[in-house]
Amino acid sequence: MRLDKFLKVSRLIKRRTVANEACDAGRVLVNGKVSKASATIKSGDIIEIQFGNKEVKVEVLDVQETVRKDDAKELYKYL
């Protein structure tokens, strides 16, 4: 699954266009490397997102195309 779509489906970022812009600005790292929005995400990847002065670091547990809002938190765990 694409990085921008995973960020939207998991609800780490609310909209896919915002996820795209964050990737283009270099604020999203996958396994320690700056990644494009088209990067492929799989289980076990570590995603770091920089929101201004706040940083979020999560591990991908599962990748699904669609998921209900209540189940979105099961796709990742905070580190």
PDB file of N, CA and C in Angstrom:
ATOM      1  N   MET A   1       0.845  -1.183   0.000  1.00  0.00           N
ATOM      2  CA  MET A   1       0.000   0.000   0.000  1.00  0.00           C
ATOM      3  C   MET A   1       0.888   1.243   0.000  1.00  0.00           C
ATOM      4  N   ARG A   2       0.432   2.276  -0.668  1.00  0.00           N
ATOM      5  CA  ARG A   2       1.174   3.537  -0.704  1.00  0.00           C
ATOM      6  C   ARG A   2       1.198   4.186   0.679  1.00  0.00           C
ATOM      7  N   LEU A   3       2.270   4.910   0.951  1.00  0.00           N
ATOM      8  CA  LEU A   3       2.441   5.574   2.246  1.00  0.00           C
ATOM      9  C   LEU A   3       1.327   6.573   2.519  1.00  0.00           C
ATOM     10  N   ASP A   4       1.002   7.425   1.536  1.00  0.00           N
ATOM     11  CA  ASP A   4      -0.036   8.434   1.768  1.00  0.00           C
ATOM     12  C   ASP A   4      -1.395   7.793   2.046  1.00  0.00           C
ATOM     13  N   LYS A   5      -1.704   6.696   1.363  1.00  0.00           N
ATOM     14  CA  LYS A   5      -2.981   6.022   1.595  1.00  0.00           C
ATOM     15  C   LYS A   5      -3.002   5.369   2.974  1.00  0.00           C
ATOM     16  N   PHE A   6      -1.875   4.772   3.398  1.00  0.00           N
ATOM     17  CA  PHE A   6      -1.825   4.156   4.727  1.00  0.00           C
ATOM     18  C   PHE A   6      -2.037   5.210   5.814  1.00  0.00           C
ATOM     19  N   LEU A   7      -1.412   6.375   5.671  1.00  0.00           N
ATOM     20  CA  LEU A   7      -1.568   7.437   6.670  1.00  0.00           C
ATOM     21  C   LEU A   7      -3.025   7.861   6.786  1.00  0.00           C
ATOM     22  N   LYS A   8      -3.747   7.886   5.657  1.00  0.00           N
ATOM     23  CA  LYS A   8      -5.155   8.256   5.672  1.00  0.00           C
ATOM     24  C   LYS A   8      -6.013   7.140   6.264  1.00  0.00           C
ATOM     25  N   VAL A   9      -5.817   5.899   5.807  1.00  0.00           N
ATOM     26  CA  VAL A   9      -6.624   4.767   6.277  1.00  0.00           C
ATOM     27  C   VAL A   9      -6.434   4.554   7.775  1.00  0.00           C
ATOM     28  N   SER A  10      -5.203   4.707   8.268  1.00  0.00           N
ATOM     29  CA  SER A  10      -4.933   4.509   9.687  1.00  0.00           C
ATOM     30  C   SER A  10      -5.326   5.722  10.522  1.00  0.00           C
ATOM     31  N   ARG A  11      -5.693   6.807   9.847  1.00  0.00           N
ATOM     32  CA  ARG A  11      -6.112   8.056  10.478  1.00  0.00           C
ATOM     33  C   ARG A  11      -5.007   8.724  11.286  1.00  0.00           C
ATOM     34  N   LEU A  12      -3.745   8.477  10.904  1.00  0.00           N
ATOM     35  CA  LEU A  12      -2.641   9.236  11.489  1.00  0.00           C
ATOM     36  C   LEU A  12      -2.677  10.658  10.931  1.00  0.00           C
ATOM     37  N   ILE A  13      -3.068  10.778   9.645  1.00  0.00           N
ATOM     38  CA  ILE A  13      -3.311  12.072   9.001  1.00  0.00           C
ATOM     39  C   ILE A  13      -4.694  11.973   8.370  1.00  0.00           C
ATOM     40  N   LYS A  14      -5.517  13.011   8.563  1.00  0.00           N
ATOM     41  CA  LYS A  14      -6.929  12.909   8.195  1.00  0.00           C
ATOM     42  C   LYS A  14      -7.194  12.835   6.687  1.00  0.00           C
ATOM     43  N   ARG A  15      -6.434  13.585   5.882  1.00  0.00           N
ATOM     44  CA  ARG A  15      -6.709  13.614   4.450  1.00  0.00           C
ATOM     45  C   ARG A  15      -5.488  13.167   3.655  1.00  0.00           C
ATOM     46  N   ARG A  16      -5.730  12.516   2.538  1.00  0.00           N
ATOM     47  CA  ARG A  16      -4.644  11.999   1.712  1.00  0.00           C
ATOM     48  C   ARG A  16      -3.824  13.124   1.096  1.00  0.00           C
ATOM     49  N   THR A  17      -4.458  14.231   0.756  1.00  0.00           N
ATOM     50  CA  THR A  17      -3.706  15.352   0.186  1.00  0.00           C
ATOM     51  C   THR A  17      -2.749  15.944   1.215  1.00  0.00           C
ATOM     52  N   VAL A  18      -3.169  15.996   2.470  1.00  0.00           N
ATOM     53  CA  VAL A  18      -2.301  16.498   3.538  1.00  0.00           C
ATOM     54  C   VAL A  18      -1.137  15.529   3.743  1.00  0.00           C
ATOM     55  N   ALA A  19      -1.416  14.230   3.672  1.00  0.00           N
ATOM     56  CA  ALA A  19      -0.361  13.218   3.785  1.00  0.00           C
ATOM     57  C   ALA A  19       0.631  13.371   2.636  1.00  0.00           C
ATOM     58  N   ASN A  20       0.127  13.626   1.439  1.00  0.00           N
ATOM     59  CA  ASN A  20       0.970  13.851   0.264  1.00  0.00           C
ATOM     60  C   ASN A  20       1.887  15.048   0.470  1.00  0.00           C
ATOM     61  N   GLU A  21       1.332  16.147   0.970  1.00  0.00           N
ATOM     62  CA  GLU A  21       2.118  17.362   1.198  1.00  0.00           C
ATOM     63  C   GLU A  21       3.185  17.145   2.264  1.00  0.00           C
ATOM     64  N   ALA A  22       2.863  16.402   3.317  1.00  0.00           N
ATOM     65  CA  ALA A  22       3.836  16.112   4.368  1.00  0.00           C
ATOM     66  C   ALA A  22       5.000  15.292   3.814  1.00  0.00           C
ATOM     67  N   CYS A  23       4.678  14.331   2.951  1.00  0.00           N
ATOM     68  CA  CYS A  23       5.734  13.517   2.324  1.00  0.00           C
ATOM     69  C   CYS A  23       6.601  14.367   1.405  1.00  0.00           C
ATOM     70  N   ASP A  24       5.978  15.226   0.615  1.00  0.00           N
ATOM     71  CA  ASP A  24       6.732  16.094  -0.304  1.00  0.00           C
ATOM     72  C   ASP A  24       7.651  17.050   0.446  1.00  0.00           C
ATOM     73  N   ALA A  25       7.246  17.466   1.648  1.00  0.00           N
ATOM     74  CA  ALA A  25       8.042  18.395   2.447  1.00  0.00           C
ATOM     75  C   ALA A  25       9.152  17.680   3.215  1.00  0.00           C
ATOM     76  N   GLY A  26       9.201  16.350   3.146  1.00  0.00           N
ATOM     77  CA  GLY A  26      10.244  15.592   3.822  1.00  0.00           C
ATOM     78  C   GLY A  26      10.007  15.402   5.303  1.00  0.00           C
ATOM     79  N   ARG A  27       8.751  15.487   5.737  1.00  0.00           N
ATOM     80  CA  ARG A  27       8.443  15.354   7.165  1.00  0.00           C
ATOM     81  C   ARG A  27       8.028  13.947   7.559  1.00  0.00           C
ATOM     82  N   VAL A  28       8.056  12.999   6.596  1.00  0.00           N
ATOM     83  CA  VAL A  28       7.681  11.616   6.891  1.00  0.00           C
ATOM     84  C   VAL A  28       8.867  10.707   6.575  1.00  0.00           C
ATOM     85  N   LEU A  29       9.277   9.922   7.583  1.00  0.00           N
ATOM     86  CA  LEU A  29      10.391   8.993   7.415  1.00  0.00           C
ATOM     87  C   LEU A  29       9.877   7.572   7.579  1.00  0.00           C
ATOM     88  N   VAL A  30      10.347   6.683   6.718  1.00  0.00           N
ATOM     89  CA  VAL A  30      10.024   5.266   6.829  1.00  0.00           C
ATOM     90  C   VAL A  30      11.333   4.528   7.032  1.00  0.00           C
ATOM     91  N   ASN A  31      11.440   3.831   8.155  1.00  0.00           N
ATOM     92  CA  ASN A  31      12.663   3.107   8.523  1.00  0.00           C
ATOM     93  C   ASN A  31      13.885   4.025   8.499  1.00  0.00           C
ATOM     94  N   GLY A  32      13.717   5.263   8.952  1.00  0.00           N
ATOM     95  CA  GLY A  32      14.824   6.202   9.083  1.00  0.00           C
ATOM     96  C   GLY A  32      15.187   6.961   7.823  1.00  0.00           C
ATOM     97  N   LYS A  33      14.454   6.764   6.726  1.00  0.00           N
ATOM     98  CA  LYS A  33      14.755   7.458   5.472  1.00  0.00           C
ATOM     99  C   LYS A  33      13.567   8.311   5.051  1.00  0.00           C
ATOM    100  N   VAL A  34      13.844   9.509   4.541  1.00  0.00           N
ATOM    101  CA  VAL A  34      12.782  10.370   4.022  1.00  0.00           C
ATOM    102  C   VAL A  34      12.126   9.647   2.857  1.00  0.00           C
ATOM    103  N   SER A  35      10.798   9.586   2.857  1.00  0.00           N
ATOM    104  CA  SER A  35      10.085   8.802   1.854  1.00  0.00           C
ATOM    105  C   SER A  35       9.099   9.634   1.068  1.00  0.00           C
ATOM    106  N   LYS A  36       8.886   9.219  -0.172  1.00  0.00           N
ATOM    107  CA  LYS A  36       7.871   9.841  -1.020  1.00  0.00           C
ATOM    108  C   LYS A  36       6.514   9.247  -0.683  1.00  0.00           C
ATOM    109  N   ALA A  37       5.464   9.911  -1.138  1.00  0.00           N
ATOM    110  CA  ALA A  37       4.099   9.451  -0.882  1.00  0.00           C
ATOM    111  C   ALA A  37       3.832   8.106  -1.544  1.00  0.00           C
ATOM    112  N   SER A  38       4.586   7.780  -2.597  1.00  0.00           N
ATOM    113  CA  SER A  38       4.354   6.540  -3.328  1.00  0.00           C
ATOM    114  C   SER A  38       5.120   5.352  -2.757  1.00  0.00           C
ATOM    115  N   ALA A  39       5.858   5.548  -1.660  1.00  0.00           N
ATOM    116  CA  ALA A  39       6.625   4.453  -1.056  1.00  0.00           C
ATOM    117  C   ALA A  39       5.691   3.338  -0.605  1.00  0.00           C
ATOM    118  N   THR A  40       6.129   2.102  -0.758  1.00  0.00           N
ATOM    119  CA  THR A  40       5.314   0.956  -0.375  1.00  0.00           C
ATOM    120  C   THR A  40       5.499   0.644   1.108  1.00  0.00           C
ATOM    121  N   ILE A  41       4.375   0.491   1.808  1.00  0.00           N
ATOM    122  CA  ILE A  41       4.382   0.210   3.244  1.00  0.00           C
ATOM    123  C   ILE A  41       3.991  -1.242   3.471  1.00  0.00           C
ATOM    124  N   LYS A  42       4.703  -1.905   4.390  1.00  0.00           N
ATOM    125  CA  LYS A  42       4.369  -3.284   4.751  1.00  0.00           C
ATOM    126  C   LYS A  42       4.443  -3.428   6.270  1.00  0.00           C
ATOM    127  N   SER A  43       3.959  -4.529   6.784  1.00  0.00           N
ATOM    128  CA  SER A  43       3.989  -4.770   8.230  1.00  0.00           C
ATOM    129  C   SER A  43       5.427  -4.771   8.729  1.00  0.00           C
ATOM    130  N   GLY A  44       5.640  -4.155   9.897  1.00  0.00           N
ATOM    131  CA  GLY A  44       6.971  -4.106  10.486  1.00  0.00           C
ATOM    132  C   GLY A  44       7.721  -2.819  10.202  1.00  0.00           C
ATOM    133  N   ASP A  45       7.242  -2.005   9.257  1.00  0.00           N
ATOM    134  CA  ASP A  45       7.892  -0.726   8.962  1.00  0.00           C
ATOM    135  C   ASP A  45       7.702   0.251  10.124  1.00  0.00           C
ATOM    136  N   ILE A  46       8.696   1.119  10.318  1.00  0.00           N
ATOM    137  CA  ILE A  46       8.629   2.171  11.336  1.00  0.00           C
ATOM    138  C   ILE A  46       8.415   3.493  10.609  1.00  0.00           C
ATOM    139  N   ILE A  47       7.339   4.195  10.962  1.00  0.00           N
ATOM    140  CA  ILE A  47       7.013   5.483  10.334  1.00  0.00           C
ATOM    141  C   ILE A  47       7.182   6.579  11.366  1.00  0.00           C
ATOM    142  N   GLU A  48       7.919   7.635  11.003  1.00  0.00           N
ATOM    143  CA  GLU A  48       8.069   8.818  11.856  1.00  0.00           C
ATOM    144  C   GLU A  48       7.464  10.003  11.113  1.00  0.00           C
ATOM    145  N   ILE A  49       6.587  10.735  11.791  1.00  0.00           N
ATOM    146  CA  ILE A  49       5.940  11.907  11.206  1.00  0.00           C
ATOM    147  C   ILE A  49       6.263  13.104  12.075  1.00  0.00           C
ATOM    148  N   GLN A  50       6.718  14.193  11.446  1.00  0.00           N
ATOM    149  CA  GLN A  50       7.048  15.408  12.180  1.00  0.00           C
ATOM    150  C   GLN A  50       5.959  16.445  11.949  1.00  0.00           C
ATOM    151  N   PHE A  51       5.238  16.781  13.037  1.00  0.00           N
ATOM    152  CA  PHE A  51       4.204  17.810  13.011  1.00  0.00           C
ATOM    153  C   PHE A  51       4.759  19.030  13.741  1.00  0.00           C
ATOM    154  N   GLY A  52       5.359  19.978  13.047  1.00  0.00           N
ATOM    155  CA  GLY A  52       5.916  21.153  13.706  1.00  0.00           C
ATOM    156  C   GLY A  52       6.983  20.740  14.698  1.00  0.00           C
ATOM    157  N   ASN A  53       6.747  20.960  15.996  1.00  0.00           N
ATOM    158  CA  ASN A  53       7.733  20.578  17.010  1.00  0.00           C
ATOM    159  C   ASN A  53       7.400  19.227  17.655  1.00  0.00           C
ATOM    160  N   LYS A  54       6.338  18.565  17.197  1.00  0.00           N
ATOM    161  CA  LYS A  54       5.928  17.278  17.738  1.00  0.00           C
ATOM    162  C   LYS A  54       6.301  16.171  16.749  1.00  0.00           C
ATOM    163  N   GLU A  55       6.739  15.043  17.279  1.00  0.00           N
ATOM    164  CA  GLU A  55       7.097  13.913  16.416  1.00  0.00           C
ATOM    165  C   GLU A  55       6.348  12.666  16.855  1.00  0.00           C
ATOM    166  N   VAL A  56       5.782  11.948  15.889  1.00  0.00           N
ATOM    167  CA  VAL A  56       5.043  10.720  16.152  1.00  0.00           C
ATOM    168  C   VAL A  56       5.797   9.572  15.501  1.00  0.00           C
ATOM    169  N   LYS A  57       6.027   8.512  16.281  1.00  0.00           N
ATOM    170  CA  LYS A  57       6.737   7.344  15.772  1.00  0.00           C
ATOM    171  C   LYS A  57       5.861   6.119  15.999  1.00  0.00           C
ATOM    172  N   VAL A  58       5.536   5.401  14.911  1.00  0.00           N
ATOM    173  CA  VAL A  58       4.667   4.233  15.001  1.00  0.00           C
ATOM    174  C   VAL A  58       5.266   3.059  14.235  1.00  0.00           C
ATOM    175  N   GLU A  59       4.862   1.855  14.638  1.00  0.00           N
ATOM    176  CA  GLU A  59       5.229   0.642  13.913  1.00  0.00           C
ATOM    177  C   GLU A  59       3.979   0.116  13.225  1.00  0.00           C
ATOM    178  N   VAL A  60       4.090  -0.231  11.952  1.00  0.00           N
ATOM    179  CA  VAL A  60       2.966  -0.759  11.187  1.00  0.00           C
ATOM    180  C   VAL A  60       2.741  -2.209  11.597  1.00  0.00           C
ATOM    181  N   LEU A  61       1.526  -2.519  12.054  1.00  0.00           N
ATOM    182  CA  LEU A  61       1.186  -3.879  12.455  1.00  0.00           C
ATOM    183  C   LEU A  61       0.428  -4.615  11.361  1.00  0.00           C
ATOM    184  N   ASP A  62      -0.403  -3.895  10.621  1.00  0.00           N
ATOM    185  CA  ASP A  62      -1.236  -4.518   9.589  1.00  0.00           C
ATOM    186  C   ASP A  62      -1.507  -3.495   8.493  1.00  0.00           C
ATOM    187  N   VAL A  63      -1.697  -3.968   7.281  1.00  0.00           N
ATOM    188  CA  VAL A  63      -2.005  -3.099   6.147  1.00  0.00           C
ATOM    189  C   VAL A  63      -3.321  -3.570   5.543  1.00  0.00           C
ATOM    190  N   GLN A  64      -4.337  -2.693   5.542  1.00  0.00           N
ATOM    191  CA  GLN A  64      -5.642  -3.014   4.966  1.00  0.00           C
ATOM    192  C   GLN A  64      -6.100  -1.851   4.104  1.00  0.00           C
ATOM    193  N   GLU A  65      -6.825  -2.177   3.032  1.00  0.00           N
ATOM    194  CA  GLU A  65      -7.298  -1.146   2.104  1.00  0.00           C
ATOM    195  C   GLU A  65      -8.362  -0.257   2.745  1.00  0.00           C
ATOM    196  N   THR A  66      -9.293  -0.859   3.465  1.00  0.00           N
ATOM    197  CA  THR A  66     -10.335  -0.087   4.145  1.00  0.00           C
ATOM    198  C   THR A  66     -10.496  -0.636   5.555  1.00  0.00           C
ATOM    199  N   VAL A  67     -10.859   0.243   6.472  1.00  0.00           N
ATOM    200  CA  VAL A  67     -11.037  -0.165   7.859  1.00  0.00           C
ATOM    201  C   VAL A  67     -12.000   0.817   8.534  1.00  0.00           C
ATOM    202  N   ARG A  68     -12.803   0.305   9.493  1.00  0.00           N
ATOM    203  CA  ARG A  68     -13.708   1.189  10.215  1.00  0.00           C
ATOM    204  C   ARG A  68     -12.917   2.084  11.156  1.00  0.00           C
ATOM    205  N   LYS A  69     -13.511   3.200  11.515  1.00  0.00           N
ATOM    206  CA  LYS A  69     -12.833   4.181  12.366  1.00  0.00           C
ATOM    207  C   LYS A  69     -12.373   3.559  13.681  1.00  0.00           C
ATOM    208  N   ASP A  70     -13.207   2.725  14.280  1.00  0.00           N
ATOM    209  CA  ASP A  70     -12.867   2.106  15.570  1.00  0.00           C
ATOM    210  C   ASP A  70     -11.678   1.155  15.462  1.00  0.00           C
ATOM    211  N   ASP A  71     -11.517   0.518  14.302  1.00  0.00           N
ATOM    212  CA  ASP A  71     -10.461  -0.469  14.116  1.00  0.00           C
ATOM    213  C   ASP A  71      -9.169   0.127  13.558  1.00  0.00           C
ATOM    214  N   ALA A  72      -9.153   1.405  13.235  1.00  0.00           N
ATOM    215  CA  ALA A  72      -7.983   2.033  12.622  1.00  0.00           C
ATOM    216  C   ALA A  72      -6.763   1.991  13.535  1.00  0.00           C
ATOM    217  N   LYS A  73      -6.972   2.069  14.846  1.00  0.00           N
ATOM    218  CA  LYS A  73      -5.850   2.064  15.792  1.00  0.00           C
ATOM    219  C   LYS A  73      -5.141   0.717  15.858  1.00  0.00           C
ATOM    220  N   GLU A  74      -5.774  -0.336  15.339  1.00  0.00           N
ATOM    221  CA  GLU A  74      -5.158  -1.661  15.344  1.00  0.00           C
ATOM    222  C   GLU A  74      -4.155  -1.847  14.211  1.00  0.00           C
ATOM    223  N   LEU A  75      -4.051  -0.872  13.298  1.00  0.00           N
ATOM    224  CA  LEU A  75      -3.125  -0.976  12.178  1.00  0.00           C
ATOM    225  C   LEU A  75      -1.694  -0.605  12.580  1.00  0.00           C
ATOM    226  N   TYR A  76      -1.534   0.065  13.714  1.00  0.00           N
ATOM    227  CA  TYR A  76      -0.207   0.526  14.144  1.00  0.00           C
ATOM    228  C   TYR A  76      -0.123   0.550  15.660  1.00  0.00           C
ATOM    229  N   LYS A  77       1.117   0.666  16.179  1.00  0.00           N
ATOM    230  CA  LYS A  77       1.301   0.889  17.616  1.00  0.00           C
ATOM    231  C   LYS A  77       2.328   1.979  17.806  1.00  0.00           C
ATOM    232  N   TYR A  78       2.094   2.832  18.806  1.00  0.00           N
ATOM    233  CA  TYR A  78       3.015   3.925  19.100  1.00  0.00           C
ATOM    234  C   TYR A  78       4.295   3.399  19.725  1.00  0.00           C
ATOM    235  N   LEU A  79       5.415   4.004  19.357  1.00  0.00           N
ATOM    236  CA  LEU A  79       6.701   3.644  19.938  1.00  0.00           C
ATOM    237  C   LEU A  79       7.204   4.749  20.838  1.00  0.00           C
TER     238      LEU A  79
END
